[in-house]
C-alpha atoms as a PDB file:
ATOM      1  CA  MET A   1     104.780  94.897 142.345  1.00  0.00           C
ATOM      2  CA  LYS A   2     104.329  97.573 139.706  1.00  0.00           C
ATOM      3  CA  THR A   3     106.486 100.681 139.964  1.00  0.00           C
ATOM      4  CA  GLU A   4     105.297 104.186 139.093  1.00  0.00           C
ATOM      5  CA  ASN A   5     106.975 104.357 135.688  1.00  0.00           C
ATOM      6  CA  GLN A   6     106.104 100.888 134.432  1.00  0.00           C
ATOM      7  CA  LEU A   7     103.896 100.506 131.386  1.00  0.00           C
ATOM      8  CA  ASP A   8     100.825  98.312 131.830  1.00  0.00           C
ATOM      9  CA  ILE A   9     100.762  95.851 128.925  1.00  0.00           C
ATOM     10  CA  CYS A  10      97.644  93.751 128.479  1.00  0.00           C
ATOM     11  CA  VAL A  11      98.494  90.440 126.790  1.00  0.00           C
ATOM     12  CA  LEU A  12      95.233  89.815 124.939  1.00  0.00           C
ATOM     13  CA  ARG A  13      94.711  86.093 124.344  1.00  0.00           C
ATOM     14  CA  GLY A  14      92.097  83.382 124.007  1.00  0.00           C
ATOM     15  CA  GLY A  15      88.938  84.621 122.321  1.00  0.00           C
ATOM     16  CA  ASN A  16      86.320  82.385 120.765  1.00  0.00           C
ATOM     17  CA  SER A  17      87.748  81.654 117.319  1.00  0.00           C
ATOM     18  CA  SER A  18      88.749  78.190 116.115  1.00  0.00           C
ATOM     19  CA  GLU A  19      92.349  79.165 116.967  1.00  0.00           C
ATOM     20  CA  ARG A  20      91.683  79.832 120.662  1.00  0.00           C
ATOM     21  CA  GLU A  21      94.042  77.160 121.989  1.00  0.00           C
ATOM     22  CA  VAL A  22      96.944  78.416 119.879  1.00  0.00           C
ATOM     23  CA  SER A  23      96.251  81.961 121.059  1.00  0.00           C
ATOM     24  CA  LEU A  24      96.386  80.842 124.696  1.00  0.00           C
ATOM     25  CA  ARG A  25      99.792  79.249 124.108  1.00  0.00           C
ATOM     26  CA  SER A  26     101.118  82.315 122.297  1.00  0.00           C
ATOM     27  CA  GLY A  27      99.825  84.636 125.008  1.00  0.00           C
ATOM     28  CA  ASN A  28     101.263  82.570 127.821  1.00  0.00           C
ATOM     29  CA  ASN A  29     104.739  82.670 126.243  1.00  0.00           C
ATOM     30  CA  VAL A  30     104.555  86.416 125.658  1.00  0.00           C
ATOM     31  CA  TYR A  31     103.274  87.075 129.188  1.00  0.00           C
ATOM     32  CA  GLU A  32     106.133  85.092 130.694  1.00  0.00           C
ATOM     33  CA  ALA A  33     108.681  86.867 128.475  1.00  0.00           C
ATOM     34  CA  ILE A  34     107.424  90.283 129.573  1.00  0.00           C
ATOM     35  CA  ALA A  35     107.278  89.248 133.222  1.00  0.00           C
ATOM     36  CA  SER A  36     110.783  87.790 133.267  1.00  0.00           C
ATOM     37  CA  GLY A  37     112.455  90.346 131.034  1.00  0.00           C
ATOM     38  CA  ASP A  38     114.695  93.133 132.280  1.00  0.00           C
ATOM     39  CA  ASN A  39     112.391  95.926 131.176  1.00  0.00           C
ATOM     40  CA  ASN A  40     109.994  98.555 132.418  1.00  0.00           C
ATOM     41  CA  TYR A  41     106.791  96.668 131.646  1.00  0.00           C
ATOM     42  CA  ASN A  42     104.031  95.321 133.866  1.00  0.00           C
ATOM     43  CA  PRO A  43     102.197  92.438 132.143  1.00  0.00           C
ATOM     44  CA  ILE A  44      98.446  92.021 132.599  1.00  0.00           C
ATOM     45  CA  ASP A  45      96.747  88.760 131.700  1.00  0.00           C
ATOM     46  CA  GLY A  46      94.118  89.538 129.081  1.00  0.00           C
ATOM     47  CA  GLU A  47      92.558  86.101 128.653  1.00  0.00           C
ATOM     48  CA  PHE A  48      88.908  86.185 127.554  1.00  0.00           C
ATOM     49  CA  SER A  49      86.289  83.971 125.959  1.00  0.00           C
ATOM     50  CA  GLU A  50      83.586  86.307 124.670  1.00  0.00           C
ATOM     51  CA  PRO A  51      84.019  89.576 122.739  1.00  0.00           C
ATOM     52  CA  ASP A  52      82.092  91.675 125.269  1.00  0.00           C
ATOM     53  CA  GLU A  53      84.826  90.986 127.837  1.00  0.00           C
ATOM     54  CA  VAL A  54      87.519  92.809 125.854  1.00  0.00           C
ATOM     55  CA  LEU A  55      86.636  96.375 126.798  1.00  0.00           C
ATOM     56  CA  ASP A  56      87.034  95.771 130.530  1.00  0.00           C
ATOM     57  CA  LEU A  57      90.430  94.104 129.978  1.00  0.00           C
ATOM     58  CA  ILE A  58      91.947  96.905 127.934  1.00  0.00           C
ATOM     59  CA  THR A  59      90.543  99.937 129.751  1.00  0.00           C
ATOM     60  CA  GLY A  60      93.336 101.992 131.315  1.00  0.00           C
ATOM     61  CA  VAL A  61      96.279 100.015 129.928  1.00  0.00           C
ATOM     62  CA  ASP A  62      99.229 101.606 128.148  1.00  0.00           C
ATOM     63  CA  LEU A  63      99.569  99.012 125.389  1.00  0.00           C
ATOM     64  CA  VAL A  64      97.832  95.849 124.203  1.00  0.00           C
ATOM     65  CA  PHE A  65     100.032  92.971 123.074  1.00  0.00           C
ATOM     66  CA  ASN A  66      97.667  91.211 120.691  1.00  0.00           C
ATOM     67  CA  CYS A  67      98.143  87.439 120.831  1.00  0.00           C
ATOM     68  CA  LEU A  68      94.771  86.587 119.334  1.00  0.00           C
ATOM     69  CA  HIS A  69      94.620  84.359 116.275  1.00  0.00           C
ATOM     70  CA  GLY A  70      91.661  84.404 113.914  1.00  0.00           C
ATOM     71  CA  GLY A  71      88.251  85.940 114.555  1.00  0.00           C
ATOM     72  CA  ILE A  72      87.896  89.432 115.984  1.00  0.00           C
ATOM     73  CA  GLY A  73      91.529  89.590 117.025  1.00  0.00           C
ATOM     74  CA  GLU A  74      92.891  89.236 113.528  1.00  0.00           C
ATOM     75  CA  ASN A  75      90.176  90.513 111.200  1.00  0.00           C
ATOM     76  CA  GLY A  76      90.416  94.177 112.231  1.00  0.00           C
ATOM     77  CA  ALA A  77      87.629  94.312 114.833  1.00  0.00           C
ATOM     78  CA  VAL A  78      89.828  94.520 117.939  1.00  0.00           C
ATOM     79  CA  GLN A  79      92.205  96.839 116.082  1.00  0.00           C
ATOM     80  CA  THR A  80      89.322  99.197 115.268  1.00  0.00           C
ATOM     81  CA  LEU A  81      88.277  99.248 118.932  1.00  0.00           C
ATOM     82  CA  LEU A  82      91.825 100.010 120.047  1.00  0.00           C
ATOM     83  CA  GLU A  83      92.182 102.770 117.443  1.00  0.00           C
ATOM     84  CA  THR A  84      88.919 104.295 118.636  1.00  0.00           C
ATOM     85  CA  LEU A  85      90.130 104.238 122.232  1.00  0.00           C
ATOM     86  CA  LYS A  86      93.580 105.476 121.152  1.00  0.00           C
ATOM     87  CA  ILE A  87      95.323 102.588 122.882  1.00  0.00           C
ATOM     88  CA  PRO A  88      98.595 101.504 121.204  1.00  0.00           C
ATOM     89  CA  TYR A  89      98.784  97.835 120.279  1.00  0.00           C
ATOM     90  CA  THR A  90     101.102  95.363 118.622  1.00  0.00           C
ATOM     91  CA  GLY A  91     100.638  94.265 115.054  1.00  0.00           C
ATOM     92  CA  THR A  92      98.870  95.525 111.982  1.00  0.00           C
ATOM     93  CA  GLY A  93      95.997  98.010 111.856  1.00  0.00           C
ATOM     94  CA  PRO A  94      92.345  97.432 110.945  1.00  0.00           C
ATOM     95  CA  TYR A  95      92.681  97.654 107.166  1.00  0.00           C
ATOM     96  CA  GLY A  96      95.723  95.400 106.823  1.00  0.00           C
ATOM     97  CA  SER A  97      94.290  92.894 109.288  1.00  0.00           C
ATOM     98  CA  ALA A  98      91.024  92.598 107.383  1.00  0.00           C
ATOM     99  CA  LEU A  99      92.875  92.427 104.078  1.00  0.00           C
ATOM    100  CA  ALA A 100      95.170  89.584 105.136  1.00  0.00           C
ATOM    101  CA  MET A 101      92.298  87.576 106.663  1.00  0.00           C
ATOM    102  CA  ASP A 102      90.345  87.714 103.380  1.00  0.00           C
ATOM    103  CA  LYS A 103      92.366  85.293 101.249  1.00  0.00           C
ATOM    104  CA  ILE A 104      90.816  86.484  97.970  1.00  0.00           C
ATOM    105  CA  ARG A 105      91.494  90.171  98.603  1.00  0.00           C
ATOM    106  CA  SER A 106      94.937  89.214  99.889  1.00  0.00           C
ATOM    107  CA  LYS A 107      95.738  87.429  96.622  1.00  0.00           C
ATOM    108  CA  GLN A 108      94.768  90.569  94.761  1.00  0.00           C
ATOM    109  CA  ALA A 109      97.145  92.571  96.968  1.00  0.00           C
ATOM    110  CA  PHE A 110      99.946  90.108  96.196  1.00  0.00           C
ATOM    111  CA  GLU A 111      99.260  90.444  92.485  1.00  0.00           C
ATOM    112  CA  ARG A 112      99.272  94.258  92.649  1.00  0.00           C
ATOM    113  CA  ALA A 113     102.716  93.991  94.267  1.00  0.00           C
ATOM    114  CA  ASP A 114     103.888  91.760  91.379  1.00  0.00           C
ATOM    115  CA  ILE A 115     104.109  88.686  93.606  1.00  0.00           C
ATOM    116  CA  LYS A 116     103.036  85.392  92.063  1.00  0.00           C
ATOM    117  CA  VAL A 117     100.235  83.358  93.652  1.00  0.00           C
ATOM    118  CA  PRO A 118      98.848  79.936  92.698  1.00  0.00           C
ATOM    119  CA  ARG A 119      95.911  80.034  90.294  1.00  0.00           C
ATOM    120  CA  TYR A 120      92.629  80.158  92.194  1.00  0.00           C
ATOM    121  CA  LEU A 121      88.860  80.293  91.809  1.00  0.00           C
ATOM    122  CA  GLN A 122      86.321  81.352  94.421  1.00  0.00           C
ATOM    123  CA  ILE A 123      83.244  79.144  94.677  1.00  0.00           C
ATOM    124  CA  VAL A 124      80.182  81.277  95.336  1.00  0.00           C
ATOM    125  CA  GLU A 125      77.435  78.722  94.705  1.00  0.00           C
ATOM    126  CA  PRO A 126      76.074  76.466  97.461  1.00  0.00           C
ATOM    127  CA  ALA A 127      78.068  73.228  97.369  1.00  0.00           C
ATOM    128  CA  GLU A 128      75.039  71.168  96.405  1.00  0.00           C
ATOM    129  CA  GLU A 129      74.505  73.301  93.284  1.00  0.00           C
ATOM    130  CA  PHE A 130      78.126  73.525  92.174  1.00  0.00           C
ATOM    131  CA  ASP A 131      79.123  72.030  88.809  1.00  0.00           C
ATOM    132  CA  PRO A 132      82.515  70.314  89.339  1.00  0.00           C
ATOM    133  CA  THR A 133      83.302  70.337  85.613  1.00  0.00           C
ATOM    134  CA  VAL A 134      84.163  74.024  86.052  1.00  0.00           C
ATOM    135  CA  ILE A 135      87.125  72.842  88.118  1.00  0.00           C
ATOM    136  CA  SER A 136      88.218  69.952  85.903  1.00  0.00           C
ATOM    137  CA  GLU A 137      88.209  72.254  82.864  1.00  0.00           C
ATOM    138  CA  ASN A 138      90.513  74.769  84.566  1.00  0.00           C
ATOM    139  CA  PHE A 139      92.607  72.858  87.108  1.00  0.00           C
ATOM    140  CA  ASP A 140      94.498  69.617  87.409  1.00  0.00           C
ATOM    141  CA  TYR A 141      94.069  67.404  90.443  1.00  0.00           C
ATOM    142  CA  PRO A 142      95.228  67.417  93.171  1.00  0.00           C
ATOM    143  CA  LEU A 143      94.205  70.903  94.218  1.00  0.00           C
ATOM    144  CA  MET A 144      93.691  72.819  97.450  1.00  0.00           C
ATOM    145  CA  LEU A 145      90.305  73.700  98.912  1.00  0.00           C
ATOM    146  CA  LYS A 146      90.469  76.562 101.426  1.00  0.00           C
ATOM    147  CA  PRO A 147      88.177  78.780 103.505  1.00  0.00           C
ATOM    148  CA  VAL A 148      88.411  82.449 102.608  1.00  0.00           C
ATOM    149  CA  HIS A 149      88.486  83.738 106.191  1.00  0.00           C
ATOM    150  CA  GLU A 150      90.401  81.260 108.372  1.00  0.00           C
ATOM    151  CA  GLY A 151      93.964  80.995 109.653  1.00  0.00           C
ATOM    152  CA  SER A 152      96.315  78.320 111.013  1.00  0.00           C
ATOM    153  CA  SER A 153      95.375  76.091 108.052  1.00  0.00           C
ATOM    154  CA  ARG A 154      91.925  75.508 109.540  1.00  0.00           C
ATOM    155  CA  GLY A 155      89.557  73.885 107.038  1.00  0.00           C
ATOM    156  CA  ILE A 156      92.141  73.335 104.302  1.00  0.00           C
ATOM    157  CA  ARG A 157      91.837  70.129 102.306  1.00  0.00           C
ATOM    158  CA  VAL A 158      93.894  68.534  99.540  1.00  0.00           C
ATOM    159  CA  VAL A 159      91.452  66.983  97.062  1.00  0.00           C
ATOM    160  CA  ASP A 160      92.529  64.383  94.512  1.00  0.00           C
ATOM    161  CA  THR A 161      89.357  63.632  92.576  1.00  0.00           C
ATOM    162  CA  GLU A 162      86.052  65.190  91.616  1.00  0.00           C
ATOM    163  CA  GLU A 163      84.311  63.013  94.186  1.00  0.00           C
ATOM    164  CA  ASP A 164      86.730  64.208  96.897  1.00  0.00           C
ATOM    165  CA  LEU A 165      86.055  67.773  95.824  1.00  0.00           C
ATOM    166  CA  MET A 166      82.291  67.523  96.167  1.00  0.00           C
ATOM    167  CA  ASP A 167      82.486  65.820  99.559  1.00  0.00           C
ATOM    168  CA  SER A 168      84.975  68.410 100.815  1.00  0.00           C
ATOM    169  CA  LEU A 169      82.951  71.313  99.408  1.00  0.00           C
ATOM    170  CA  ILE A 170      79.929  70.313 101.437  1.00  0.00           C
ATOM    171  CA  GLU A 171      81.987  69.826 104.599  1.00  0.00           C
ATOM    172  CA  VAL A 172      84.169  72.943 104.411  1.00  0.00           C
ATOM    173  CA  GLN A 173      81.534  75.332 103.120  1.00  0.00           C
ATOM    174  CA  GLY A 174      79.099  74.109 105.756  1.00  0.00           C
ATOM    175  CA  ARG A 175      81.574  74.753 108.553  1.00  0.00           C
ATOM    176  CA  TYR A 176      83.565  77.783 107.371  1.00  0.00           C
ATOM    177  CA  GLY A 177      81.407  79.597 104.817  1.00  0.00           C
ATOM    178  CA  ASP A 178      83.163  81.233 101.854  1.00  0.00           C
ATOM    179  CA  ILE A 179      85.616  78.939 100.067  1.00  0.00           C
ATOM    180  CA  PHE A 180      87.918  78.804  97.059  1.00  0.00           C
ATOM    181  CA  VAL A 181      90.035  76.281  95.194  1.00  0.00           C
ATOM    182  CA  GLU A 182      93.711  76.816  94.528  1.00  0.00           C
ATOM    183  CA  GLU A 183      96.323  75.175  92.360  1.00  0.00           C
ATOM    184  CA  TYR A 184      98.415  72.650  94.286  1.00  0.00           C
ATOM    185  CA  ILE A 185     102.080  73.638  94.020  1.00  0.00           C
ATOM    186  CA  ARG A 186     104.410  70.661  94.298  1.00  0.00           C
ATOM    187  CA  GLY A 187     107.570  71.644  96.099  1.00  0.00           C
ATOM    188  CA  LYS A 188     108.863  73.087  99.349  1.00  0.00           C
ATOM    189  CA  GLU A 189     106.736  74.767 101.989  1.00  0.00           C
ATOM    190  CA  ILE A 190     108.614  77.804 103.299  1.00  0.00           C
ATOM    191  CA  THR A 191     107.920  80.860 105.393  1.00  0.00           C
ATOM    192  CA  ALA A 192     109.640  84.230 105.779  1.00  0.00           C
ATOM    193  CA  GLY A 193     109.226  86.433 108.822  1.00  0.00           C
ATOM    194  CA  VAL A 194     109.396  90.220 108.707  1.00  0.00           C
ATOM    195  CA  LEU A 195     110.311  92.262 111.774  1.00  0.00           C
ATOM    196  CA  LYS A 196     110.950  95.895 112.580  1.00  0.00           C
ATOM    197  CA  TYR A 197     114.179  95.565 114.522  1.00  0.00           C
ATOM    198  CA  GLU A 198     116.250  98.449 115.837  1.00  0.00           C
ATOM    199  CA  GLY A 199     114.297 100.838 113.638  1.00  0.00           C
ATOM    200  CA  GLU A 200     114.739  98.870 110.406  1.00  0.00           C
ATOM    201  CA  LEU A 201     112.304  96.536 108.665  1.00  0.00           C
ATOM    202  CA  ILE A 202     114.159  93.278 108.033  1.00  0.00           C
ATOM    203  CA  ALA A 203     113.392  89.861 106.572  1.00  0.00           C
ATOM    204  CA  LEU A 204     114.333  87.070 108.956  1.00  0.00           C
ATOM    205  CA  PRO A 205     116.039  83.856 107.789  1.00  0.00           C
ATOM    206  CA  VAL A 206     113.791  81.775 105.547  1.00  0.00           C
ATOM    207  CA  VAL A 207     112.435  78.637 107.228  1.00  0.00           C
ATOM    208  CA  GLU A 208     111.635  75.409 105.386  1.00  0.00           C
ATOM    209  CA  LEU A 209     108.803  73.332 106.830  1.00  0.00           C
ATOM    210  CA  ASN A 210     109.479  69.688 106.123  1.00  0.00           C
ATOM    211  CA  VAL A 211     106.149  68.011 106.913  1.00  0.00           C
ATOM    212  CA  LYS A 212     106.761  64.331 107.369  1.00  0.00           C
ATOM    213  CA  HIS A 213     103.286  62.883 106.846  1.00  0.00           C
ATOM    214  CA  ASP A 214     100.763  65.486 105.671  1.00  0.00           C
ATOM    215  CA  ARG A 215     100.902  66.957 102.180  1.00  0.00           C
ATOM    216  CA  PHE A 216     100.929  70.532 103.418  1.00  0.00           C
ATOM    217  CA  PHE A 217     101.568  72.438 106.646  1.00  0.00           C
ATOM    218  CA  SER A 218      98.228  71.533 108.227  1.00  0.00           C
ATOM    219  CA  TYR A 219      96.898  72.594 111.636  1.00  0.00           C
ATOM    220  CA  GLU A 220      97.859  69.187 112.995  1.00  0.00           C
ATOM    221  CA  ALA A 221     101.378  69.487 111.579  1.00  0.00           C
ATOM    222  CA  LYS A 222     101.687  72.921 113.153  1.00  0.00           C
ATOM    223  CA  TYR A 223     100.448  72.253 116.638  1.00  0.00           C
ATOM    224  CA  GLU A 224      99.403  68.705 117.444  1.00  0.00           C
ATOM    225  CA  HIS A 225     102.254  66.428 116.355  1.00  0.00           C
ATOM    226  CA  ASP A 226     106.019  66.476 116.294  1.00  0.00           C
ATOM    227  CA  GLU A 227     105.864  65.684 112.619  1.00  0.00           C
ATOM    228  CA  THR A 228     107.311  68.858 111.124  1.00  0.00           C
ATOM    229  CA  GLU A 229     111.021  69.469 110.791  1.00  0.00           C
ATOM    230  CA  PHE A 230     111.964  73.143 110.848  1.00  0.00           C
ATOM    231  CA  ILE A 231     114.976  73.714 108.618  1.00  0.00           C
ATOM    232  CA  VAL A 232     116.785  77.041 108.773  1.00  0.00           C
ATOM    233  CA  PRO A 233     118.138  78.312 106.572  1.00  0.00           C
ATOM    234  CA  ALA A 234     115.770  76.749 104.039  1.00  0.00           C
ATOM    235  CA  ARG A 235     117.362  74.480 101.471  1.00  0.00           C
ATOM    236  CA  LEU A 236     117.225  77.067  98.700  1.00  0.00           C
ATOM    237  CA  ASN A 237     120.026  78.616  96.728  1.00  0.00           C
ATOM    238  CA  LYS A 238     121.101  82.156  97.557  1.00  0.00           C
ATOM    239  CA  GLU A 239     119.268  83.734  94.610  1.00  0.00           C
ATOM    240  CA  ILE A 240     115.904  82.143  95.487  1.00  0.00           C
ATOM    241  CA  THR A 241     116.381  82.911  99.183  1.00  0.00           C
ATOM    242  CA  GLU A 242     116.992  86.596  98.516  1.00  0.00           C
ATOM    243  CA  ARG A 243     114.036  86.713  96.117  1.00  0.00           C
ATOM    244  CA  VAL A 244     111.753  85.208  98.780  1.00  0.00           C
ATOM    245  CA  LYS A 245     112.967  87.716 101.364  1.00  0.00           C
ATOM    246  CA  ASP A 246     112.301  90.575  98.974  1.00  0.00           C
ATOM    247  CA  MET A 247     108.825  89.211  98.244  1.00  0.00           C
ATOM    248  CA  ALA A 248     108.120  88.945 101.978  1.00  0.00           C
ATOM    249  CA  LEU A 249     109.061  92.592 102.515  1.00  0.00           C
ATOM    250  CA  ARG A 250     106.940  93.688  99.553  1.00  0.00           C
ATOM    251  CA  ALA A 251     104.009  91.594 100.763  1.00  0.00           C
ATOM    252  CA  HIS A 252     104.327  93.111 104.245  1.00  0.00           C
ATOM    253  CA  ARG A 253     104.096  96.594 102.761  1.00  0.00           C
ATOM    254  CA  ALA A 254     101.369  95.683 100.244  1.00  0.00           C
ATOM    255  CA  HIS A 255      99.192  94.493 103.122  1.00  0.00           C
ATOM    256  CA  THR A 256     100.019  97.632 105.162  1.00  0.00           C
ATOM    257  CA  CYS A 257     101.450  95.457 107.930  1.00  0.00           C
ATOM    258  CA  SER A 258     103.009  97.037 110.986  1.00  0.00           C
ATOM    259  CA  GLY A 259     105.835  95.874 113.241  1.00  0.00           C
ATOM    260  CA  TYR A 260     106.006  92.270 112.142  1.00  0.00           C
ATOM    261  CA  SER A 261     104.374  89.644 109.958  1.00  0.00           C
ATOM    262  CA  ARG A 262     105.030  86.251 108.406  1.00  0.00           C
ATOM    263  CA  VAL A 263     104.564  85.379 104.738  1.00  0.00           C
ATOM    264  CA  ASP A 264     104.035  81.779 103.641  1.00  0.00           C
ATOM    265  CA  PHE A 265     105.175  80.466 100.267  1.00  0.00           C
ATOM    266  CA  ARG A 266     105.453  77.356  98.157  1.00  0.00           C
ATOM    267  CA  VAL A 267     108.584  77.013  96.021  1.00  0.00           C
ATOM    268  CA  ASP A 268     108.134  74.649  93.100  1.00  0.00           C
ATOM    269  CA  ARG A 269     110.747  72.312  91.671  1.00  0.00           C
ATOM    270  CA  SER A 270     111.952  74.951  89.211  1.00  0.00           C
ATOM    271  CA  GLY A 271     112.616  77.431  92.017  1.00  0.00           C
ATOM    272  CA  GLU A 272     109.556  79.620  91.371  1.00  0.00           C
ATOM    273  CA  ALA A 273     108.058  81.019  94.589  1.00  0.00           C
ATOM    274  CA  PHE A 274     104.291  81.428  95.021  1.00  0.00           C
ATOM    275  CA  ALA A 275     102.873  83.449  97.920  1.00  0.00           C
ATOM    276  CA  LEU A 276     100.104  81.769  99.891  1.00  0.00           C
ATOM    277  CA  GLU A 277      99.174  84.195 102.650  1.00  0.00           C
ATOM    278  CA  VAL A 278     100.293  86.910 105.028  1.00  0.00           C
ATOM    279  CA  ASN A 279      99.987  86.326 108.763  1.00  0.00           C
ATOM    280  CA  THR A 280      99.611  89.643 110.565  1.00  0.00           C
ATOM    281  CA  LEU A 281      99.722  88.006 114.021  1.00  0.00           C
ATOM    282  CA  PRO A 282     102.118  85.072 113.697  1.00  0.00           C
ATOM    283  CA  GLY A 283     102.072  82.438 116.400  1.00  0.00           C
ATOM    284  CA  MET A 284     104.344  82.852 119.399  1.00  0.00           C
ATOM    285  CA  THR A 285     104.158  79.250 120.630  1.00  0.00           C
ATOM    286  CA  ASN A 286     107.046  76.855 121.141  1.00  0.00           C
ATOM    287  CA  LYS A 287     106.320  75.452 117.686  1.00  0.00           C
ATOM    288  CA  SER A 288     105.889  78.755 115.834  1.00  0.00           C
ATOM    289  CA  ASP A 289     107.936  79.761 112.809  1.00  0.00           C
ATOM    290  CA  LEU A 290     108.627  83.438 113.532  1.00  0.00           C
ATOM    291  CA  PRO A 291     110.332  82.910 116.922  1.00  0.00           C
ATOM    292  CA  PHE A 292     112.268  80.013 115.388  1.00  0.00           C
ATOM    293  CA  ALA A 293     113.600  82.205 112.575  1.00  0.00           C
ATOM    294  CA  ALA A 294     114.348  85.090 114.936  1.00  0.00           C
ATOM    295  CA  ASN A 295     116.303  82.807 117.235  1.00  0.00           C
ATOM    296  CA  TYR A 296     118.439  81.643 114.304  1.00  0.00           C
ATOM    297  CA  ALA A 297     119.129  85.305 113.540  1.00  0.00           C
ATOM    298  CA  GLY A 298     120.391  85.768 117.114  1.00  0.00           C
ATOM    299  CA  ILE A 299     117.192  87.304 118.508  1.00  0.00           C
ATOM    300  CA  ASP A 300     115.968  85.275 121.468  1.00  0.00           C
ATOM    301  CA  PHE A 301     112.302  85.152 122.486  1.00  0.00           C
ATOM    302  CA  GLU A 302     112.471  87.907 125.104  1.00  0.00           C
ATOM    303  CA  GLU A 303     114.314  90.183 122.683  1.00  0.00           C
ATOM    304  CA  LEU A 304     111.743  89.404 119.974  1.00  0.00           C
ATOM    305  CA  VAL A 305     108.889  90.387 122.285  1.00  0.00           C
ATOM    306  CA  GLU A 306     110.787  93.549 123.249  1.00  0.00           C
ATOM    307  CA  ALA A 307     111.271  94.431 119.559  1.00  0.00           C
ATOM    308  CA  MET A 308     107.555  93.968 118.900  1.00  0.00           C
ATOM    309  CA  ILE A 309     106.639  96.204 121.811  1.00  0.00           C
ATOM    310  CA  LYS A 310     109.101  98.927 120.830  1.00  0.00           C
ATOM    311  CA  ALA A 311     107.985  98.885 117.188  1.00  0.00           C
ATOM    312  CA  SER A 312     104.378  99.241 118.306  1.00  0.00           C
ATOM    313  CA  LEU A 313     105.101 102.110 120.658  1.00  0.00           C
ATOM    314  CA  GLU A 314     107.131 103.911 118.014  1.00  0.00           C
ATOM    315  CA  GLU A 315     104.481 103.524 115.320  1.00  0.00           C
ATOM    316  CA  LYS A 316     101.278 103.820 117.336  1.00  0.00           C
ATOM    317  CA  VAL A 317     101.991 106.313 120.106  1.00  0.00           C
ATOM    318  CA  LYS A 318     102.321 109.216 117.677  1.00  0.00           C
ATOM    319  CA  ASN A 319      98.702 108.592 116.666  1.00  0.00           C
ATOM    320  CA  SER A 320      97.430 108.481 120.258  1.00  0.00           C
ATOM    321  CA  ALA A 321      95.824 111.432 121.963  1.00  0.00           C
ATOM    322  CA  PRO A 322      98.057 113.041 124.609  1.00  0.00           C
ATOM    323  CA  ARG A 323      97.357 111.456 127.977  1.00  0.00           C
ATOM    324  CA  ASP A 324      99.365 110.372 130.982  1.00  0.00           C
ATOM    325  CA  GLY A 325     100.102 106.935 129.555  1.00  0.00           C
ATOM    326  CA  ALA A 326     101.134 108.354 126.189  1.00  0.00           C
ATOM    327  CA  CYS A 327     103.450 110.834 127.853  1.00  0.00           C
ATOM    328  CA  ARG A 328     105.109 108.026 129.805  1.00  0.00           C
ATOM    329  CA  LYS A 329     105.590 106.095 126.572  1.00  0.00           C
ATOM    330  CA  ASN A 330     107.214 109.050 124.857  1.00  0.00           C
ATOM    331  CA  ASN A 331     109.550 109.539 127.816  1.00  0.00           C
ATOM    332  CA  TYR A 332     110.458 105.876 127.718  1.00  0.00           C
ATOM    333  CA  LEU A 333     111.308 106.010 124.004  1.00  0.00           C
ATOM    334  CA  MET A 334     113.499 109.106 124.275  1.00  0.00           C
END
């Protein structure tokens, strides 16, 4: 039973994006952590299917713990609603969320922060009208074909030939819309989490993702098979590891992230690191990278959730209009 001073925290999860199932898993873990933790929080299940259900779920709560992946939960739409209603929430704001979800704009943000990315080219023509010689004149096969606005590796293909490219263009563009091709970096797949912990923004231990069968960290490798070995610390020398951590922190700031994020990289055989994307709402499932890295750093799952909540209250409550809930939050943080 809720006590008078508890904060109502709506764990927003589900939605109608292609990453719904992952969101449900993340949200369930976070809900259980809040419910079982020794804290002053009252968790509220915020599962929904359609966008018009969100307003009823969040009305009157003290904080929204955003466990949505993809779609309106990660592209800035839900964040804009919460800002308008002056409800504090976990994760990055509207601008940074939209920026990170747009892979082309995100690459430009990386480049402005002096962070290397693989060479890329956006394909704006309909697939049926595209001239594949443009690719063969500028890229070597294999290469990556990716949607501009998806997460969790949805829609990504490795293409080895011009024929593969054309077939994949038709499929991926037809299903996901805007697409681009990207240089395939041979080497290690790694990821670096960033977390505001005890008032300080830190880079968590770098995780290497050793995918046993696929050629990249695909959706299936992430969530559907036990085919990925998580290696922490990553098998990189100290200099490269520290460089990756620094790049992750700079990427977090360049994308105006808040509280936490995860930055994915490829490190080639010479030790050069290339940023792939920023995840503003990293997964919180049993197979997710950020909780895995935090645990290695001595931060268990409940403590990680607590750190995310505290960071959000500290950063968001000062921008909220004074109201009963906001006053309770400020008292709690004192």
